Amino acid sequence: MYSSIIVHHLNDSRSLRVLWLLEELEVPYEIKLYQRGSDLRAPKELLDVHPLGKAPIITDGDITLAESGAIIQYIINKYGNGRVAPPKEGELIDLYITHFTEGSFMPLLVNRFVFSMIPAQAPFFLRPLLRPIFSTIDAKLIAGPLNASLKYVEDTLEKSNTGWFAGGPNPTMADYMMSFGLDAVAERRPDLVGPKTKAWVERVHERPAYKRATVKGEKQN
């Protein structure tokens, strides 16, 4: 019998990865909502749950765990019963993509977001000066590595017979981890993603469990 997991869910965050996985595995859970402030930061109330005060966080009985990657792996290990395991030939790519997501890919997206937000939130008289500066920084530091990362993702999916990263019949840890970032890019900059990546995003969106997770997450916002 499952204990009731509580997902400390911050709006517009990586929490959706966790909700999707829990829905796929049909693990009972509750959502506790936290809203970002006007500065887009997580509220201080999250510090009462975890010392770093960042979401997502889960509590599962006596366990409190932060970091979406650690949470995904914990849930799979405890509740997956082999249902999220990659095929033998896909184990290495599943491992790599899982760590590539937060180690290489997401930092690029976060930096691009920050570089766009600094001019937007600056005093209006500074915006004409800051926009070209941060646009140049983005072009020199972010655009190249981000395009290379997206090409790597496209090439990896091109090699899959099933459309999932590890080549199995169902999503694995790599797919759950990549869902937040690729969804954001496909929505905001569809010109940057290739056809296999777009098909992957559509495949994720078509999953009944993903639809349920999205509805439940949005209802909390």
N, C-alpha and C. Protein backbone atom coordinates (compact mmCIF):
# COMPACT_ATOMS: atom_id res chain seq x y z
N MET A 1 0.84 -1.20 0.00
CA MET A 1 0.00 0.00 0.00
C MET A 1 0.87 1.24 0.00
N TYR A 2 0.57 2.19 -0.85
CA TYR A 2 1.36 3.40 -0.98
C TYR A 2 1.09 4.35 0.18
N SER A 3 2.14 5.02 0.62
CA SER A 3 1.93 6.19 1.48
C SER A 3 1.53 7.33 0.56
N SER A 4 0.98 8.37 1.13
CA SER A 4 0.53 9.50 0.32
C SER A 4 1.67 10.49 0.16
N ILE A 5 2.18 10.60 -1.06
CA ILE A 5 3.24 11.55 -1.36
C ILE A 5 2.64 12.95 -1.46
N ILE A 6 3.31 13.91 -0.89
CA ILE A 6 2.93 15.31 -1.06
C ILE A 6 3.94 15.96 -2.00
N VAL A 7 3.44 16.52 -3.08
CA VAL A 7 4.29 17.25 -4.02
C VAL A 7 4.14 18.74 -3.72
N HIS A 8 5.23 19.34 -3.30
CA HIS A 8 5.24 20.79 -3.05
C HIS A 8 5.48 21.45 -4.40
N HIS A 9 4.40 21.93 -4.98
CA HIS A 9 4.33 22.29 -6.39
C HIS A 9 4.38 23.81 -6.56
N LEU A 10 5.42 24.27 -7.23
CA LEU A 10 5.56 25.69 -7.55
C LEU A 10 5.07 25.91 -8.98
N ASN A 11 4.24 26.93 -9.17
CA ASN A 11 3.73 27.18 -10.51
C ASN A 11 4.87 27.48 -11.49
N ASP A 12 4.69 27.06 -12.74
CA ASP A 12 5.68 27.28 -13.80
C ASP A 12 7.06 26.75 -13.40
N SER A 13 7.10 25.50 -13.03
CA SER A 13 8.37 24.93 -12.58
C SER A 13 8.53 23.49 -13.04
N ARG A 14 9.64 22.89 -12.67
CA ARG A 14 9.93 21.52 -13.03
C ARG A 14 9.01 20.53 -12.31
N SER A 15 8.13 21.00 -11.45
CA SER A 15 7.22 20.11 -10.73
C SER A 15 6.41 19.23 -11.65
N LEU A 16 6.11 19.71 -12.86
CA LEU A 16 5.27 18.94 -13.78
C LEU A 16 5.89 17.60 -14.12
N ARG A 17 7.22 17.53 -14.15
CA ARG A 17 7.89 16.25 -14.37
C ARG A 17 7.42 15.22 -13.35
N VAL A 18 7.38 15.65 -12.10
CA VAL A 18 7.04 14.75 -11.00
C VAL A 18 5.58 14.33 -11.08
N LEU A 19 4.69 15.29 -11.36
CA LEU A 19 3.27 14.97 -11.47
C LEU A 19 3.02 13.97 -12.59
N TRP A 20 3.68 14.18 -13.74
CA TRP A 20 3.50 13.27 -14.87
C TRP A 20 3.91 11.85 -14.49
N LEU A 21 5.09 11.70 -13.86
CA LEU A 21 5.57 10.37 -13.48
C LEU A 21 4.61 9.71 -12.49
N LEU A 22 4.16 10.44 -11.50
CA LEU A 22 3.24 9.87 -10.51
C LEU A 22 1.94 9.43 -11.17
N GLU A 23 1.46 10.21 -12.14
CA GLU A 23 0.25 9.83 -12.86
C GLU A 23 0.48 8.57 -13.68
N GLU A 24 1.62 8.46 -14.33
CA GLU A 24 1.93 7.27 -15.14
C GLU A 24 1.96 6.02 -14.25
N LEU A 25 2.53 6.16 -13.07
CA LEU A 25 2.68 5.02 -12.17
C LEU A 25 1.45 4.80 -11.30
N GLU A 26 0.50 5.72 -11.39
CA GLU A 26 -0.73 5.65 -10.61
C GLU A 26 -0.44 5.58 -9.11
N VAL A 27 0.52 6.39 -8.69
CA VAL A 27 0.86 6.49 -7.28
C VAL A 27 0.03 7.62 -6.66
N PRO A 28 -0.71 7.37 -5.59
CA PRO A 28 -1.50 8.44 -4.96
C PRO A 28 -0.60 9.57 -4.47
N TYR A 29 -1.05 10.80 -4.65
CA TYR A 29 -0.29 11.94 -4.18
C TYR A 29 -1.22 13.12 -3.93
N GLU A 30 -0.70 14.06 -3.17
CA GLU A 30 -1.40 15.32 -2.93
C GLU A 30 -0.52 16.45 -3.45
N ILE A 31 -1.15 17.55 -3.82
CA ILE A 31 -0.41 18.73 -4.27
C ILE A 31 -0.57 19.84 -3.25
N LYS A 32 0.54 20.42 -2.85
CA LYS A 32 0.52 21.62 -2.04
C LYS A 32 1.13 22.74 -2.88
N LEU A 33 0.35 23.76 -3.14
CA LEU A 33 0.74 24.81 -4.09
C LEU A 33 1.52 25.93 -3.42
N TYR A 34 2.52 26.40 -4.17
CA TYR A 34 3.27 27.61 -3.81
C TYR A 34 3.33 28.49 -5.05
N GLN A 35 3.08 29.78 -4.88
CA GLN A 35 3.08 30.72 -6.00
C GLN A 35 4.34 31.57 -5.99
N ARG A 36 4.87 31.79 -7.18
CA ARG A 36 6.01 32.69 -7.31
C ARG A 36 5.60 34.12 -6.96
N GLY A 37 6.55 34.88 -6.44
CA GLY A 37 6.30 36.28 -6.16
C GLY A 37 6.46 37.12 -7.41
N SER A 38 6.30 38.42 -7.25
CA SER A 38 6.44 39.33 -8.39
C SER A 38 7.86 39.32 -8.95
N ASP A 39 8.83 38.89 -8.13
CA ASP A 39 10.21 38.77 -8.58
C ASP A 39 10.49 37.42 -9.23
N LEU A 40 9.44 36.58 -9.38
CA LEU A 40 9.49 35.25 -9.98
C LEU A 40 10.21 34.22 -9.11
N ARG A 41 10.55 34.60 -7.90
CA ARG A 41 11.21 33.67 -6.99
C ARG A 41 10.19 32.84 -6.21
N ALA A 42 10.65 31.69 -5.71
CA ALA A 42 9.79 30.86 -4.88
C ALA A 42 9.52 31.57 -3.55
N PRO A 43 8.36 31.34 -2.96
CA PRO A 43 8.04 32.01 -1.68
C PRO A 43 8.87 31.46 -0.53
N LYS A 44 9.00 32.25 0.52
CA LYS A 44 9.81 31.87 1.68
C LYS A 44 9.23 30.67 2.41
N GLU A 45 7.92 30.41 2.21
CA GLU A 45 7.30 29.28 2.90
C GLU A 45 7.96 27.95 2.54
N LEU A 46 8.57 27.87 1.38
CA LEU A 46 9.24 26.62 0.99
C LEU A 46 10.45 26.33 1.87
N LEU A 47 10.98 27.35 2.52
CA LEU A 47 12.10 27.13 3.44
C LEU A 47 11.67 26.31 4.64
N ASP A 48 10.38 26.30 4.94
CA ASP A 48 9.89 25.47 6.04
C ASP A 48 9.85 24.00 5.67
N VAL A 49 9.93 23.72 4.35
CA VAL A 49 9.88 22.34 3.87
C VAL A 49 11.29 21.80 3.63
N HIS A 50 12.15 22.64 3.06
CA HIS A 50 13.53 22.22 2.74
C HIS A 50 14.45 23.42 2.92
N PRO A 51 15.67 23.22 3.44
CA PRO A 51 16.57 24.34 3.73
C PRO A 51 16.90 25.23 2.54
N LEU A 52 16.83 24.70 1.31
CA LEU A 52 17.15 25.51 0.14
C LEU A 52 15.94 26.27 -0.40
N GLY A 53 14.75 25.88 0.02
CA GLY A 53 13.54 26.61 -0.35
C GLY A 53 13.23 26.64 -1.83
N LYS A 54 13.56 25.55 -2.54
CA LYS A 54 13.28 25.50 -3.98
C LYS A 54 12.37 24.32 -4.28
N ALA A 55 11.55 24.47 -5.31
CA ALA A 55 10.65 23.40 -5.73
C ALA A 55 11.16 22.79 -7.04
N PRO A 56 10.76 21.54 -7.32
CA PRO A 56 9.84 20.74 -6.53
C PRO A 56 10.51 20.09 -5.32
N ILE A 57 9.68 19.79 -4.35
CA ILE A 57 10.05 19.01 -3.18
C ILE A 57 8.95 17.99 -2.98
N ILE A 58 9.30 16.80 -2.55
CA ILE A 58 8.27 15.85 -2.15
C ILE A 58 8.51 15.44 -0.70
N THR A 59 7.44 15.12 -0.03
CA THR A 59 7.52 14.44 1.25
C THR A 59 6.81 13.11 1.09
N ASP A 60 7.47 12.06 1.53
CA ASP A 60 6.93 10.70 1.41
C ASP A 60 7.16 10.03 2.76
N GLY A 61 6.16 10.08 3.63
CA GLY A 61 6.36 9.60 4.98
C GLY A 61 7.35 10.49 5.70
N ASP A 62 8.42 9.90 6.19
CA ASP A 62 9.45 10.65 6.92
C ASP A 62 10.50 11.25 5.99
N ILE A 63 10.39 11.00 4.69
CA ILE A 63 11.40 11.45 3.73
C ILE A 63 10.99 12.78 3.11
N THR A 64 11.94 13.71 3.09
CA THR A 64 11.77 14.96 2.37
C THR A 64 12.89 15.04 1.34
N LEU A 65 12.52 15.25 0.08
CA LEU A 65 13.51 15.20 -0.99
C LEU A 65 13.28 16.33 -1.99
N ALA A 66 14.35 17.04 -2.32
CA ALA A 66 14.31 18.11 -3.31
C ALA A 66 15.09 17.67 -4.55
N GLU A 67 15.13 18.55 -5.55
CA GLU A 67 15.78 18.34 -6.85
C GLU A 67 14.97 17.36 -7.69
N SER A 68 14.45 17.85 -8.81
CA SER A 68 13.55 17.03 -9.62
C SER A 68 14.20 15.75 -10.10
N GLY A 69 15.50 15.79 -10.44
CA GLY A 69 16.17 14.58 -10.89
C GLY A 69 16.24 13.53 -9.81
N ALA A 70 16.57 13.95 -8.59
CA ALA A 70 16.62 13.01 -7.47
C ALA A 70 15.23 12.47 -7.16
N ILE A 71 14.22 13.34 -7.25
CA ILE A 71 12.84 12.92 -6.98
C ILE A 71 12.38 11.89 -8.00
N ILE A 72 12.65 12.16 -9.29
CA ILE A 72 12.26 11.23 -10.35
C ILE A 72 12.91 9.87 -10.12
N GLN A 73 14.20 9.86 -9.83
CA GLN A 73 14.90 8.59 -9.62
C GLN A 73 14.38 7.86 -8.38
N TYR A 74 14.11 8.61 -7.32
CA TYR A 74 13.58 8.02 -6.09
C TYR A 74 12.23 7.35 -6.34
N ILE A 75 11.33 8.05 -7.03
CA ILE A 75 10.00 7.50 -7.29
C ILE A 75 10.09 6.27 -8.17
N ILE A 76 10.94 6.32 -9.20
CA ILE A 76 11.10 5.17 -10.07
C ILE A 76 11.65 3.98 -9.30
N ASN A 77 12.66 4.21 -8.46
CA ASN A 77 13.27 3.12 -7.69
C ASN A 77 12.27 2.50 -6.71
N LYS A 78 11.45 3.34 -6.09
CA LYS A 78 10.55 2.85 -5.04
C LYS A 78 9.24 2.32 -5.59
N TYR A 79 8.70 2.99 -6.62
CA TYR A 79 7.35 2.67 -7.07
C TYR A 79 7.27 2.18 -8.52
N GLY A 80 8.41 2.16 -9.23
CA GLY A 80 8.36 1.86 -10.65
C GLY A 80 8.09 0.41 -10.99
N ASN A 81 8.57 -0.53 -10.16
CA ASN A 81 8.37 -1.96 -10.42
C ASN A 81 8.76 -2.35 -11.85
N GLY A 82 9.82 -1.72 -12.35
CA GLY A 82 10.32 -2.06 -13.69
C GLY A 82 9.58 -1.41 -14.83
N ARG A 83 8.51 -0.66 -14.55
CA ARG A 83 7.69 -0.11 -15.63
C ARG A 83 8.36 1.07 -16.34
N VAL A 84 9.39 1.66 -15.72
CA VAL A 84 10.06 2.81 -16.32
C VAL A 84 11.47 2.44 -16.78
N ALA A 85 11.83 1.18 -16.65
CA ALA A 85 13.17 0.74 -17.01
C ALA A 85 13.38 0.80 -18.52
N PRO A 86 14.54 1.28 -18.97
CA PRO A 86 14.83 1.29 -20.41
C PRO A 86 15.20 -0.11 -20.87
N PRO A 87 15.08 -0.38 -22.17
CA PRO A 87 15.60 -1.66 -22.67
C PRO A 87 17.11 -1.70 -22.49
N LYS A 88 17.67 -2.89 -22.47
CA LYS A 88 19.10 -3.05 -22.20
C LYS A 88 19.95 -2.19 -23.12
N GLU A 89 19.60 -2.14 -24.40
CA GLU A 89 20.40 -1.38 -25.36
C GLU A 89 20.22 0.13 -25.20
N GLY A 90 19.22 0.54 -24.44
CA GLY A 90 18.98 1.96 -24.24
C GLY A 90 19.41 2.49 -22.89
N GLU A 91 20.02 1.64 -22.06
CA GLU A 91 20.37 2.05 -20.71
C GLU A 91 21.37 3.21 -20.67
N LEU A 92 22.37 3.16 -21.54
CA LEU A 92 23.40 4.20 -21.51
C LEU A 92 22.85 5.54 -21.96
N ILE A 93 22.05 5.57 -23.03
CA ILE A 93 21.50 6.84 -23.49
C ILE A 93 20.50 7.38 -22.49
N ASP A 94 19.77 6.49 -21.81
CA ASP A 94 18.84 6.93 -20.78
C ASP A 94 19.60 7.60 -19.63
N LEU A 95 20.71 7.00 -19.24
CA LEU A 95 21.54 7.57 -18.17
C LEU A 95 22.11 8.91 -18.59
N TYR A 96 22.63 8.97 -19.82
CA TYR A 96 23.27 10.20 -20.28
C TYR A 96 22.27 11.34 -20.40
N ILE A 97 21.14 11.10 -21.07
CA ILE A 97 20.16 12.16 -21.26
C ILE A 97 19.62 12.63 -19.92
N THR A 98 19.44 11.72 -18.98
CA THR A 98 18.97 12.10 -17.65
C THR A 98 19.89 13.14 -17.03
N HIS A 99 21.20 12.95 -17.13
CA HIS A 99 22.15 13.89 -16.52
C HIS A 99 22.44 15.08 -17.42
N PHE A 100 22.36 14.87 -18.72
CA PHE A 100 22.53 15.97 -19.67
C PHE A 100 21.48 17.04 -19.46
N THR A 101 20.28 16.63 -19.08
CA THR A 101 19.17 17.58 -18.93
C THR A 101 19.52 18.71 -17.99
N GLU A 102 19.88 18.37 -16.76
CA GLU A 102 20.18 19.41 -15.77
C GLU A 102 21.63 19.84 -15.79
N GLY A 103 22.51 19.00 -16.31
CA GLY A 103 23.92 19.36 -16.32
C GLY A 103 24.30 20.31 -17.44
N SER A 104 23.64 20.19 -18.61
CA SER A 104 24.02 20.99 -19.78
C SER A 104 22.86 21.78 -20.37
N PHE A 105 21.71 21.12 -20.53
CA PHE A 105 20.61 21.71 -21.29
C PHE A 105 19.86 22.80 -20.52
N MET A 106 19.40 22.47 -19.33
CA MET A 106 18.60 23.43 -18.57
C MET A 106 19.37 24.69 -18.18
N PRO A 107 20.66 24.61 -17.82
CA PRO A 107 21.38 25.87 -17.54
C PRO A 107 21.37 26.85 -18.71
N LEU A 108 21.42 26.34 -19.93
CA LEU A 108 21.36 27.22 -21.10
C LEU A 108 20.01 27.91 -21.18
N LEU A 109 18.93 27.16 -20.96
CA LEU A 109 17.59 27.75 -21.01
C LEU A 109 17.39 28.77 -19.89
N VAL A 110 17.89 28.44 -18.72
CA VAL A 110 17.74 29.37 -17.58
C VAL A 110 18.52 30.65 -17.84
N ASN A 111 19.73 30.53 -18.34
CA ASN A 111 20.53 31.73 -18.63
C ASN A 111 19.87 32.58 -19.71
N ARG A 112 19.33 31.93 -20.74
CA ARG A 112 18.63 32.70 -21.77
C ARG A 112 17.44 33.45 -21.18
N PHE A 113 16.71 32.79 -20.30
CA PHE A 113 15.57 33.43 -19.65
C PHE A 113 16.02 34.62 -18.80
N VAL A 114 17.08 34.42 -18.03
CA VAL A 114 17.59 35.49 -17.18
C VAL A 114 18.05 36.68 -18.01
N PHE A 115 18.76 36.40 -19.09
CA PHE A 115 19.26 37.49 -19.95
C PHE A 115 18.12 38.28 -20.59
N SER A 116 16.99 37.63 -20.81
CA SER A 116 15.85 38.34 -21.37
C SER A 116 15.09 39.12 -20.30
N MET A 117 15.12 38.61 -19.06
CA MET A 117 14.35 39.24 -17.99
C MET A 117 15.04 40.47 -17.41
N ILE A 118 16.36 40.49 -17.41
CA ILE A 118 17.07 41.64 -16.82
C ILE A 118 16.70 42.94 -17.51
N PRO A 119 16.76 43.05 -18.84
CA PRO A 119 16.33 44.29 -19.48
C PRO A 119 14.85 44.58 -19.25
N ALA A 120 14.03 43.53 -19.26
CA ALA A 120 12.58 43.73 -19.13
C ALA A 120 12.20 44.29 -17.77
N GLN A 121 12.98 43.93 -16.73
CA GLN A 121 12.65 44.38 -15.38
C GLN A 121 13.46 45.60 -14.95
N ALA A 122 14.34 46.07 -15.80
CA ALA A 122 15.13 47.26 -15.48
C ALA A 122 14.27 48.52 -15.62
N PRO A 123 14.68 49.63 -15.00
CA PRO A 123 13.97 50.89 -15.21
C PRO A 123 13.87 51.20 -16.70
N PHE A 124 12.75 51.77 -17.12
CA PHE A 124 12.45 51.91 -18.54
C PHE A 124 13.53 52.66 -19.31
N PHE A 125 14.20 53.62 -18.64
CA PHE A 125 15.20 54.42 -19.34
C PHE A 125 16.50 53.64 -19.59
N LEU A 126 16.65 52.49 -18.90
CA LEU A 126 17.84 51.66 -19.12
C LEU A 126 17.60 50.55 -20.14
N ARG A 127 16.35 50.26 -20.44
CA ARG A 127 16.04 49.13 -21.30
C ARG A 127 16.66 49.24 -22.69
N PRO A 128 16.60 50.41 -23.35
CA PRO A 128 17.23 50.50 -24.68
C PRO A 128 18.73 50.23 -24.65
N LEU A 129 19.37 50.49 -23.52
CA LEU A 129 20.80 50.24 -23.38
C LEU A 129 21.07 48.77 -23.08
N LEU A 130 20.25 48.18 -22.20
CA LEU A 130 20.51 46.82 -21.74
C LEU A 130 20.13 45.75 -22.75
N ARG A 131 19.09 46.00 -23.53
CA ARG A 131 18.64 44.97 -24.47
C ARG A 131 19.73 44.55 -25.46
N PRO A 132 20.41 45.48 -26.14
CA PRO A 132 21.46 45.04 -27.07
C PRO A 132 22.64 44.39 -26.35
N ILE A 133 22.92 44.83 -25.12
CA ILE A 133 24.03 44.23 -24.38
C ILE A 133 23.75 42.76 -24.09
N PHE A 134 22.55 42.49 -23.54
CA PHE A 134 22.23 41.10 -23.19
C PHE A 134 21.91 40.26 -24.41
N SER A 135 21.47 40.89 -25.47
CA SER A 135 21.28 40.17 -26.72
C SER A 135 22.62 39.69 -27.27
N THR A 136 23.64 40.55 -27.15
CA THR A 136 24.99 40.18 -27.60
C THR A 136 25.55 39.06 -26.74
N ILE A 137 25.34 39.16 -25.42
CA ILE A 137 25.81 38.11 -24.51
C ILE A 137 25.17 36.78 -24.87
N ASP A 138 23.85 36.82 -25.11
CA ASP A 138 23.14 35.60 -25.48
C ASP A 138 23.70 35.02 -26.77
N ALA A 139 23.93 35.87 -27.76
CA ALA A 139 24.43 35.40 -29.05
C ALA A 139 25.80 34.75 -28.93
N LYS A 140 26.63 35.29 -28.04
CA LYS A 140 28.01 34.79 -27.92
C LYS A 140 28.14 33.59 -26.98
N LEU A 141 27.28 33.53 -25.95
CA LEU A 141 27.46 32.50 -24.93
C LEU A 141 26.40 31.41 -24.93
N ILE A 142 25.21 31.72 -25.41
CA ILE A 142 24.10 30.78 -25.27
C ILE A 142 23.68 30.16 -26.60
N ALA A 143 23.54 30.97 -27.63
CA ALA A 143 22.96 30.49 -28.89
C ALA A 143 23.67 29.27 -29.46
N GLY A 144 24.99 29.33 -29.54
CA GLY A 144 25.75 28.21 -30.11
C GLY A 144 25.57 26.92 -29.34
N PRO A 145 25.87 26.92 -28.02
CA PRO A 145 25.69 25.68 -27.24
C PRO A 145 24.25 25.19 -27.22
N LEU A 146 23.28 26.12 -27.19
CA LEU A 146 21.88 25.68 -27.17
C LEU A 146 21.50 25.02 -28.48
N ASN A 147 21.91 25.60 -29.60
CA ASN A 147 21.62 24.99 -30.90
C ASN A 147 22.28 23.62 -31.03
N ALA A 148 23.50 23.52 -30.51
CA ALA A 148 24.20 22.23 -30.56
C ALA A 148 23.48 21.19 -29.70
N SER A 149 22.99 21.62 -28.55
CA SER A 149 22.25 20.71 -27.67
C SER A 149 20.96 20.24 -28.32
N LEU A 150 20.25 21.15 -28.94
CA LEU A 150 19.00 20.77 -29.60
C LEU A 150 19.24 19.86 -30.80
N LYS A 151 20.35 20.08 -31.50
CA LYS A 151 20.69 19.18 -32.60
C LYS A 151 21.03 17.79 -32.07
N TYR A 152 21.73 17.74 -30.94
CA TYR A 152 22.04 16.44 -30.33
C TYR A 152 20.76 15.72 -29.94
N VAL A 153 19.81 16.44 -29.37
CA VAL A 153 18.52 15.85 -29.00
C VAL A 153 17.82 15.31 -30.25
N GLU A 154 17.79 16.10 -31.31
CA GLU A 154 17.14 15.68 -32.55
C GLU A 154 17.82 14.44 -33.11
N ASP A 155 19.15 14.42 -33.13
CA ASP A 155 19.88 13.27 -33.67
C ASP A 155 19.63 12.02 -32.83
N THR A 156 19.53 12.20 -31.51
CA THR A 156 19.28 11.06 -30.63
C THR A 156 17.90 10.48 -30.88
N LEU A 157 16.90 11.33 -31.00
CA LEU A 157 15.55 10.85 -31.27
C LEU A 157 15.44 10.23 -32.67
N GLU A 158 16.25 10.71 -33.60
CA GLU A 158 16.27 10.16 -34.96
C GLU A 158 16.67 8.68 -34.93
N LYS A 159 17.50 8.30 -33.97
CA LYS A 159 17.99 6.92 -33.88
C LYS A 159 17.01 6.00 -33.16
N SER A 160 15.99 6.56 -32.52
CA SER A 160 15.04 5.75 -31.76
C SER A 160 13.96 5.19 -32.67
N ASN A 161 13.67 3.92 -32.50
CA ASN A 161 12.62 3.27 -33.29
C ASN A 161 11.22 3.55 -32.74
N THR A 162 11.16 4.04 -31.51
CA THR A 162 9.86 4.23 -30.86
C THR A 162 9.53 5.70 -30.61
N GLY A 163 10.52 6.57 -30.76
CA GLY A 163 10.30 7.99 -30.49
C GLY A 163 10.63 8.41 -29.09
N TRP A 164 10.89 7.45 -28.18
CA TRP A 164 11.35 7.77 -26.84
C TRP A 164 12.87 7.70 -26.80
N PHE A 165 13.48 8.43 -25.89
CA PHE A 165 14.94 8.55 -25.91
C PHE A 165 15.66 7.21 -25.81
N ALA A 166 15.19 6.33 -24.93
CA ALA A 166 15.89 5.06 -24.73
C ALA A 166 15.46 3.99 -25.73
N GLY A 167 14.51 4.31 -26.60
CA GLY A 167 14.10 3.37 -27.63
C GLY A 167 13.16 2.29 -27.18
N GLY A 168 12.59 2.44 -25.99
CA GLY A 168 11.64 1.46 -25.50
C GLY A 168 10.22 1.84 -25.85
N PRO A 169 9.25 1.02 -25.43
CA PRO A 169 7.85 1.28 -25.79
C PRO A 169 7.21 2.39 -24.97
N ASN A 170 7.82 2.74 -23.85
CA ASN A 170 7.26 3.74 -22.95
C ASN A 170 8.33 4.75 -22.54
N PRO A 171 7.91 5.91 -22.04
CA PRO A 171 8.90 6.89 -21.57
C PRO A 171 9.71 6.35 -20.41
N THR A 172 10.96 6.75 -20.34
CA THR A 172 11.84 6.38 -19.25
C THR A 172 12.32 7.65 -18.55
N MET A 173 13.25 7.49 -17.64
CA MET A 173 13.71 8.62 -16.83
C MET A 173 14.16 9.79 -17.70
N ALA A 174 14.83 9.50 -18.81
CA ALA A 174 15.30 10.56 -19.69
C ALA A 174 14.15 11.40 -20.23
N ASP A 175 13.06 10.76 -20.58
CA ASP A 175 11.91 11.47 -21.13
C ASP A 175 11.26 12.36 -20.07
N TYR A 176 11.11 11.84 -18.86
CA TYR A 176 10.54 12.66 -17.79
C TYR A 176 11.40 13.88 -17.52
N MET A 177 12.71 13.68 -17.52
CA MET A 177 13.62 14.80 -17.23
C MET A 177 13.60 15.85 -18.33
N MET A 178 13.53 15.42 -19.58
CA MET A 178 13.60 16.36 -20.70
C MET A 178 12.28 17.08 -20.96
N SER A 179 11.20 16.59 -20.38
CA SER A 179 9.87 17.11 -20.74
C SER A 179 9.72 18.60 -20.49
N PHE A 180 10.17 19.09 -19.35
CA PHE A 180 9.96 20.50 -19.01
C PHE A 180 10.70 21.43 -19.98
N GLY A 181 11.97 21.15 -20.23
CA GLY A 181 12.77 22.02 -21.08
C GLY A 181 12.36 21.99 -22.53
N LEU A 182 12.15 20.78 -23.09
CA LEU A 182 11.78 20.69 -24.50
C LEU A 182 10.39 21.26 -24.75
N ASP A 183 9.51 21.09 -23.80
CA ASP A 183 8.18 21.67 -23.94
C ASP A 183 8.27 23.19 -24.03
N ALA A 184 9.12 23.78 -23.18
CA ALA A 184 9.27 25.24 -23.18
C ALA A 184 9.85 25.74 -24.49
N VAL A 185 10.88 25.07 -25.00
CA VAL A 185 11.50 25.50 -26.25
C VAL A 185 10.53 25.35 -27.43
N ALA A 186 9.84 24.20 -27.48
CA ALA A 186 8.92 23.95 -28.58
C ALA A 186 7.78 24.96 -28.60
N GLU A 187 7.38 25.43 -27.42
CA GLU A 187 6.28 26.39 -27.35
C GLU A 187 6.74 27.81 -27.71
N ARG A 188 7.91 28.20 -27.19
CA ARG A 188 8.35 29.59 -27.34
C ARG A 188 9.22 29.81 -28.57
N ARG A 189 9.99 28.80 -28.96
CA ARG A 189 10.86 28.94 -30.13
C ARG A 189 10.78 27.68 -30.99
N PRO A 190 9.63 27.41 -31.58
CA PRO A 190 9.49 26.19 -32.38
C PRO A 190 10.45 26.13 -33.55
N ASP A 191 10.97 27.28 -33.96
CA ASP A 191 11.92 27.31 -35.07
C ASP A 191 13.25 26.66 -34.71
N LEU A 192 13.50 26.48 -33.41
CA LEU A 192 14.79 25.92 -32.98
C LEU A 192 14.78 24.39 -32.89
N VAL A 193 13.60 23.77 -32.93
CA VAL A 193 13.55 22.32 -32.74
C VAL A 193 13.21 21.61 -34.04
N GLY A 194 13.76 20.41 -34.17
CA GLY A 194 13.57 19.64 -35.39
C GLY A 194 12.30 18.81 -35.36
N PRO A 195 11.97 18.14 -36.45
CA PRO A 195 10.72 17.38 -36.55
C PRO A 195 10.61 16.23 -35.56
N LYS A 196 11.71 15.54 -35.29
CA LYS A 196 11.66 14.44 -34.32
C LYS A 196 11.40 14.96 -32.92
N THR A 197 11.97 16.11 -32.60
CA THR A 197 11.75 16.71 -31.29
C THR A 197 10.30 17.19 -31.16
N LYS A 198 9.78 17.81 -32.20
CA LYS A 198 8.38 18.24 -32.18
C LYS A 198 7.45 17.05 -32.02
N ALA A 199 7.76 15.96 -32.71
CA ALA A 199 6.94 14.75 -32.60
C ALA A 199 7.01 14.18 -31.19
N TRP A 200 8.20 14.27 -30.57
CA TRP A 200 8.36 13.78 -29.20
C TRP A 200 7.50 14.61 -28.24
N VAL A 201 7.52 15.92 -28.39
CA VAL A 201 6.70 16.79 -27.54
C VAL A 201 5.22 16.46 -27.71
N GLU A 202 4.79 16.26 -28.94
CA GLU A 202 3.39 15.91 -29.19
C GLU A 202 3.05 14.56 -28.58
N ARG A 203 4.00 13.62 -28.64
CA ARG A 203 3.78 12.29 -28.07
C ARG A 203 3.60 12.39 -26.56
N VAL A 204 4.41 13.22 -25.92
CA VAL A 204 4.28 13.44 -24.48
C VAL A 204 2.91 14.03 -24.16
N HIS A 205 2.52 15.06 -24.91
CA HIS A 205 1.26 15.75 -24.66
C HIS A 205 0.05 14.83 -24.86
N GLU A 206 0.20 13.81 -25.69
CA GLU A 206 -0.91 12.89 -25.97
C GLU A 206 -1.08 11.84 -24.88
N ARG A 207 -0.11 11.69 -24.00
CA ARG A 207 -0.22 10.69 -22.94
C ARG A 207 -1.35 11.07 -21.98
N PRO A 208 -2.28 10.17 -21.73
CA PRO A 208 -3.35 10.48 -20.77
C PRO A 208 -2.82 10.91 -19.41
N ALA A 209 -1.73 10.29 -18.96
CA ALA A 209 -1.16 10.65 -17.66
C ALA A 209 -0.61 12.08 -17.67
N TYR A 210 -0.02 12.47 -18.78
CA TYR A 210 0.50 13.84 -18.88
C TYR A 210 -0.65 14.84 -18.88
N LYS A 211 -1.72 14.51 -19.57
CA LYS A 211 -2.87 15.40 -19.58
C LYS A 211 -3.44 15.56 -18.18
N ARG A 212 -3.54 14.44 -17.44
CA ARG A 212 -4.05 14.53 -16.07
C ARG A 212 -3.13 15.38 -15.21
N ALA A 213 -1.83 15.18 -15.36
CA ALA A 213 -0.87 15.94 -14.57
C ALA A 213 -0.97 17.43 -14.85
N THR A 214 -1.12 17.77 -16.13
CA THR A 214 -1.23 19.17 -16.52
C THR A 214 -2.48 19.81 -15.93
N VAL A 215 -3.60 19.10 -16.02
CA VAL A 215 -4.86 19.62 -15.47
C VAL A 215 -4.75 19.82 -13.97
N LYS A 216 -4.21 18.84 -13.28
CA LYS A 216 -4.10 18.95 -11.82
C LYS A 216 -3.15 20.07 -11.43
N GLY A 217 -2.05 20.21 -12.18
CA GLY A 217 -1.11 21.28 -11.88
C GLY A 217 -1.70 22.64 -12.15
N GLU A 218 -2.45 22.77 -13.24
CA GLU A 218 -3.06 24.04 -13.59
C GLU A 218 -4.18 24.42 -12.64
N LYS A 219 -4.91 23.44 -12.14
CA LYS A 219 -5.98 23.71 -11.20
C LYS A 219 -5.46 24.33 -9.92
N GLN A 220 -4.20 24.05 -9.65
CA GLN A 220 -3.61 24.60 -8.43
C GLN A 220 -3.13 26.03 -8.63
N ASN A 221 -3.01 26.47 -9.90
CA ASN A 221 -2.43 27.79 -10.16
C ASN A 221 -3.48 28.89 -10.10
